[in-house]
Amino acid sequence: MRAGRFQSLPEAQRDLPPCGYVEPFIDDLIEAGVDTLNPIQSECMDFAEIYKKYHDKLTFHGTIGTQTVMPFGTPDEVRETVWRNLDIAKDGGLIAAPTHMLEPEVPWANVRAYVDACRAYKR
């Protein structure tokens, strides 16, 4: 990625979809002009730590694990995860979403719990 080209689009939102553990590269991504990290994969990165360090520089998209809590958690665990991440990002900058598309094995009850948790969340 050439930083110059990325930064030459001042009116565009620059969203980079890196999967996996990218924490060592976040400073470089910010320097290159990235505005949004999508996803923040909860299976390999600590959203609370990353938010604390970078919330004034980035928007975060996707913190609800599609390899763990969405397919294998209970509806209560899904709700708790959504609310915990929204609490972490109480100052804004989080698009509360799964980290990837939802696969067929995700129970409908968990999809419903995710939607309901987002709708019901109050600061």
C-alpha atoms as a PDB file:
ATOM      1  CA  MET A   1       0.000   0.000   0.000  1.00  0.00           C
ATOM      2  CA  ARG A   2       1.372   3.392  -0.950  1.00  0.00           C
ATOM      3  CA  ALA A   3       0.617   5.899   1.795  1.00  0.00           C
ATOM      4  CA  GLY A   4       0.618   8.818  -0.631  1.00  0.00           C
ATOM      5  CA  ARG A   5      -2.243   7.451  -2.721  1.00  0.00           C
ATOM      6  CA  PHE A   6      -4.239   6.508   0.352  1.00  0.00           C
ATOM      7  CA  GLN A   7      -3.777   9.944   1.900  1.00  0.00           C
ATOM      8  CA  SER A   8      -4.578  11.763  -1.344  1.00  0.00           C
ATOM      9  CA  LEU A   9      -8.283  11.066  -0.838  1.00  0.00           C
ATOM     10  CA  PRO A  10      -9.033  13.604   1.905  1.00  0.00           C
ATOM     11  CA  GLU A  11     -12.824  13.364   1.655  1.00  0.00           C
ATOM     12  CA  ALA A  12     -12.933   9.561   1.623  1.00  0.00           C
ATOM     13  CA  GLN A  13     -13.298   7.336   4.664  1.00  0.00           C
ATOM     14  CA  ARG A  14     -10.361   4.941   4.516  1.00  0.00           C
ATOM     15  CA  ASP A  15     -11.441   1.546   5.832  1.00  0.00           C
ATOM     16  CA  LEU A  16      -8.885  -1.244   5.927  1.00  0.00           C
ATOM     17  CA  PRO A  17     -10.024  -4.842   6.447  1.00  0.00           C
ATOM     18  CA  PRO A  18      -7.054  -6.559   8.101  1.00  0.00           C
ATOM     19  CA  CYS A  19      -7.861  -9.939   9.600  1.00  0.00           C
ATOM     20  CA  GLY A  20      -6.042 -11.441  12.528  1.00  0.00           C
ATOM     21  CA  TYR A  21      -3.558  -9.933  14.943  1.00  0.00           C
ATOM     22  CA  VAL A  22      -2.605  -6.544  13.499  1.00  0.00           C
ATOM     23  CA  GLU A  23      -1.836  -4.681  16.713  1.00  0.00           C
ATOM     24  CA  PRO A  24       1.908  -4.316  15.950  1.00  0.00           C
ATOM     25  CA  PHE A  25       1.009  -2.494  12.715  1.00  0.00           C
ATOM     26  CA  ILE A  26      -1.719  -0.131  13.914  1.00  0.00           C
ATOM     27  CA  ASP A  27       0.589   2.889  14.187  1.00  0.00           C
ATOM     28  CA  ASP A  28       1.773   2.276  10.609  1.00  0.00           C
ATOM     29  CA  LEU A  29      -1.813   1.948   9.390  1.00  0.00           C
ATOM     30  CA  ILE A  30      -2.736   5.257  11.023  1.00  0.00           C
ATOM     31  CA  GLU A  31       0.311   6.911   9.464  1.00  0.00           C
ATOM     32  CA  ALA A  32      -0.774   5.538   6.077  1.00  0.00           C
ATOM     33  CA  GLY A  33      -4.137   7.259   6.503  1.00  0.00           C
ATOM     34  CA  VAL A  34      -6.429   4.456   7.670  1.00  0.00           C
ATOM     35  CA  ASP A  35      -9.534   5.783   9.460  1.00  0.00           C
ATOM     36  CA  THR A  36     -11.351   2.545  10.308  1.00  0.00           C
ATOM     37  CA  LEU A  37     -10.112  -0.887  11.310  1.00  0.00           C
ATOM     38  CA  ASN A  38     -12.538  -3.618  10.324  1.00  0.00           C
ATOM     39  CA  PRO A  39     -12.535  -6.067  12.001  1.00  0.00           C
ATOM     40  CA  ILE A  40     -11.115  -5.977  15.481  1.00  0.00           C
ATOM     41  CA  GLN A  41     -10.954  -9.739  15.841  1.00  0.00           C
ATOM     42  CA  SER A  42     -11.786 -10.490  19.468  1.00  0.00           C
ATOM     43  CA  GLU A  43     -10.294 -13.965  19.164  1.00  0.00           C
ATOM     44  CA  CYS A  44      -6.782 -12.536  18.893  1.00  0.00           C
ATOM     45  CA  MET A  45      -6.862  -8.880  20.017  1.00  0.00           C
ATOM     46  CA  ASP A  46      -7.995  -7.178  23.219  1.00  0.00           C
ATOM     47  CA  PHE A  47     -10.516  -4.524  22.172  1.00  0.00           C
ATOM     48  CA  ALA A  48     -10.318  -2.727  25.534  1.00  0.00           C
ATOM     49  CA  GLU A  49      -6.555  -2.239  25.193  1.00  0.00           C
ATOM     50  CA  ILE A  50      -6.705  -1.227  21.540  1.00  0.00           C
ATOM     51  CA  TYR A  51      -9.573   1.192  22.166  1.00  0.00           C
ATOM     52  CA  LYS A  52      -7.756   2.762  25.119  1.00  0.00           C
ATOM     53  CA  LYS A  53      -4.668   3.336  23.011  1.00  0.00           C
ATOM     54  CA  TYR A  54      -6.207   4.376  19.663  1.00  0.00           C
ATOM     55  CA  HIS A  55      -9.776   5.629  20.200  1.00  0.00           C
ATOM     56  CA  ASP A  56      -8.798   9.198  19.356  1.00  0.00           C
ATOM     57  CA  LYS A  57      -7.235   8.122  16.041  1.00  0.00           C
ATOM     58  CA  LEU A  58      -9.475   5.363  14.647  1.00  0.00           C
ATOM     59  CA  THR A  59     -12.998   4.086  14.284  1.00  0.00           C
ATOM     60  CA  PHE A  60     -13.435   0.414  15.110  1.00  0.00           C
ATOM     61  CA  HIS A  61     -15.822  -1.876  13.250  1.00  0.00           C
ATOM     62  CA  GLY A  62     -16.657  -5.430  14.178  1.00  0.00           C
ATOM     63  CA  THR A  63     -15.779  -6.648  17.666  1.00  0.00           C
ATOM     64  CA  ILE A  64     -18.287  -9.483  18.054  1.00  0.00           C
ATOM     65  CA  GLY A  65     -16.482 -12.782  17.446  1.00  0.00           C
ATOM     66  CA  THR A  66     -17.739 -14.837  14.517  1.00  0.00           C
ATOM     67  CA  GLN A  67     -15.444 -17.740  15.414  1.00  0.00           C
ATOM     68  CA  THR A  68     -16.475 -17.874  19.074  1.00  0.00           C
ATOM     69  CA  VAL A  69     -19.431 -16.080  20.629  1.00  0.00           C
ATOM     70  CA  MET A  70     -21.744 -15.799  17.615  1.00  0.00           C
ATOM     71  CA  PRO A  71     -21.672 -19.480  16.554  1.00  0.00           C
ATOM     72  CA  PHE A  72     -20.951 -21.137  19.913  1.00  0.00           C
ATOM     73  CA  GLY A  73     -22.052 -18.735  22.657  1.00  0.00           C
ATOM     74  CA  THR A  74     -25.443 -18.443  24.265  1.00  0.00           C
ATOM     75  CA  PRO A  75     -27.785 -15.540  23.554  1.00  0.00           C
ATOM     76  CA  ASP A  76     -26.862 -14.136  26.983  1.00  0.00           C
ATOM     77  CA  GLU A  77     -23.153 -14.296  26.099  1.00  0.00           C
ATOM     78  CA  VAL A  78     -23.831 -12.494  22.822  1.00  0.00           C
ATOM     79  CA  ARG A  79     -25.730  -9.718  24.649  1.00  0.00           C
ATOM     80  CA  GLU A  80     -22.998  -9.411  27.287  1.00  0.00           C
ATOM     81  CA  THR A  81     -20.319  -9.154  24.593  1.00  0.00           C
ATOM     82  CA  VAL A  82     -22.220  -6.455  22.705  1.00  0.00           C
ATOM     83  CA  TRP A  83     -22.845  -4.435  25.865  1.00  0.00           C
ATOM     84  CA  ARG A  84     -19.267  -4.859  27.137  1.00  0.00           C
ATOM     85  CA  ASN A  85     -17.828  -3.581  23.859  1.00  0.00           C
ATOM     86  CA  LEU A  86     -20.270  -0.671  23.746  1.00  0.00           C
ATOM     87  CA  ASP A  87     -19.337   0.177  27.351  1.00  0.00           C
ATOM     88  CA  ILE A  88     -15.646   0.112  26.416  1.00  0.00           C
ATOM     89  CA  ALA A  89     -16.353   2.523  23.551  1.00  0.00           C
ATOM     90  CA  LYS A  90     -18.587   4.829  25.572  1.00  0.00           C
ATOM     91  CA  ASP A  91     -16.827   7.844  24.023  1.00  0.00           C
ATOM     92  CA  GLY A  92     -17.801   6.702  20.521  1.00  0.00           C
ATOM     93  CA  GLY A  93     -15.882   5.305  17.599  1.00  0.00           C
ATOM     94  CA  LEU A  94     -17.327   1.784  17.524  1.00  0.00           C
ATOM     95  CA  ILE A  95     -19.553   0.261  14.886  1.00  0.00           C
ATOM     96  CA  ALA A  96     -20.929  -2.643  16.926  1.00  0.00           C
ATOM     97  CA  ALA A  97     -20.946  -5.498  14.455  1.00  0.00           C
ATOM     98  CA  PRO A  98     -19.766  -9.061  14.021  1.00  0.00           C
ATOM     99  CA  THR A  99     -16.171  -9.384  12.850  1.00  0.00           C
ATOM    100  CA  HIS A 100     -17.178 -11.070   9.602  1.00  0.00           C
ATOM    101  CA  MET A 101     -20.229 -12.364   7.791  1.00  0.00           C
ATOM    102  CA  LEU A 102     -22.324 -14.757   9.806  1.00  0.00           C
ATOM    103  CA  GLU A 103     -21.955 -18.363   8.734  1.00  0.00           C
ATOM    104  CA  PRO A 104     -24.909 -20.784   8.556  1.00  0.00           C
ATOM    105  CA  GLU A 105     -23.997 -22.433  11.880  1.00  0.00           C
ATOM    106  CA  VAL A 106     -24.771 -19.239  13.836  1.00  0.00           C
ATOM    107  CA  PRO A 107     -27.997 -19.932  15.735  1.00  0.00           C
ATOM    108  CA  TRP A 108     -30.863 -17.603  14.910  1.00  0.00           C
ATOM    109  CA  ALA A 109     -31.276 -16.971  18.658  1.00  0.00           C
ATOM    110  CA  ASN A 110     -27.770 -15.456  18.710  1.00  0.00           C
ATOM    111  CA  VAL A 111     -28.486 -13.242  15.705  1.00  0.00           C
ATOM    112  CA  ARG A 112     -31.655 -12.063  17.450  1.00  0.00           C
ATOM    113  CA  ALA A 113     -29.715 -11.486  20.704  1.00  0.00           C
ATOM    114  CA  TYR A 114     -27.155  -9.356  18.840  1.00  0.00           C
ATOM    115  CA  VAL A 115     -29.832  -7.187  17.210  1.00  0.00           C
ATOM    116  CA  ASP A 116     -31.811  -6.855  20.443  1.00  0.00           C
ATOM    117  CA  ALA A 117     -28.680  -5.976  22.443  1.00  0.00           C
ATOM    118  CA  CYS A 118     -27.755  -3.203  20.018  1.00  0.00           C
ATOM    119  CA  ARG A 119     -31.285  -1.804  20.115  1.00  0.00           C
ATOM    120  CA  ALA A 120     -31.595  -2.023  23.902  1.00  0.00           C
ATOM    121  CA  TYR A 121     -28.198  -0.581  24.814  1.00  0.00           C
ATOM    122  CA  LYS A 122     -28.312   2.552  26.932  1.00  0.00           C
ATOM    123  CA  ARG A 123     -25.337   4.429  28.283  1.00  0.00           C
END
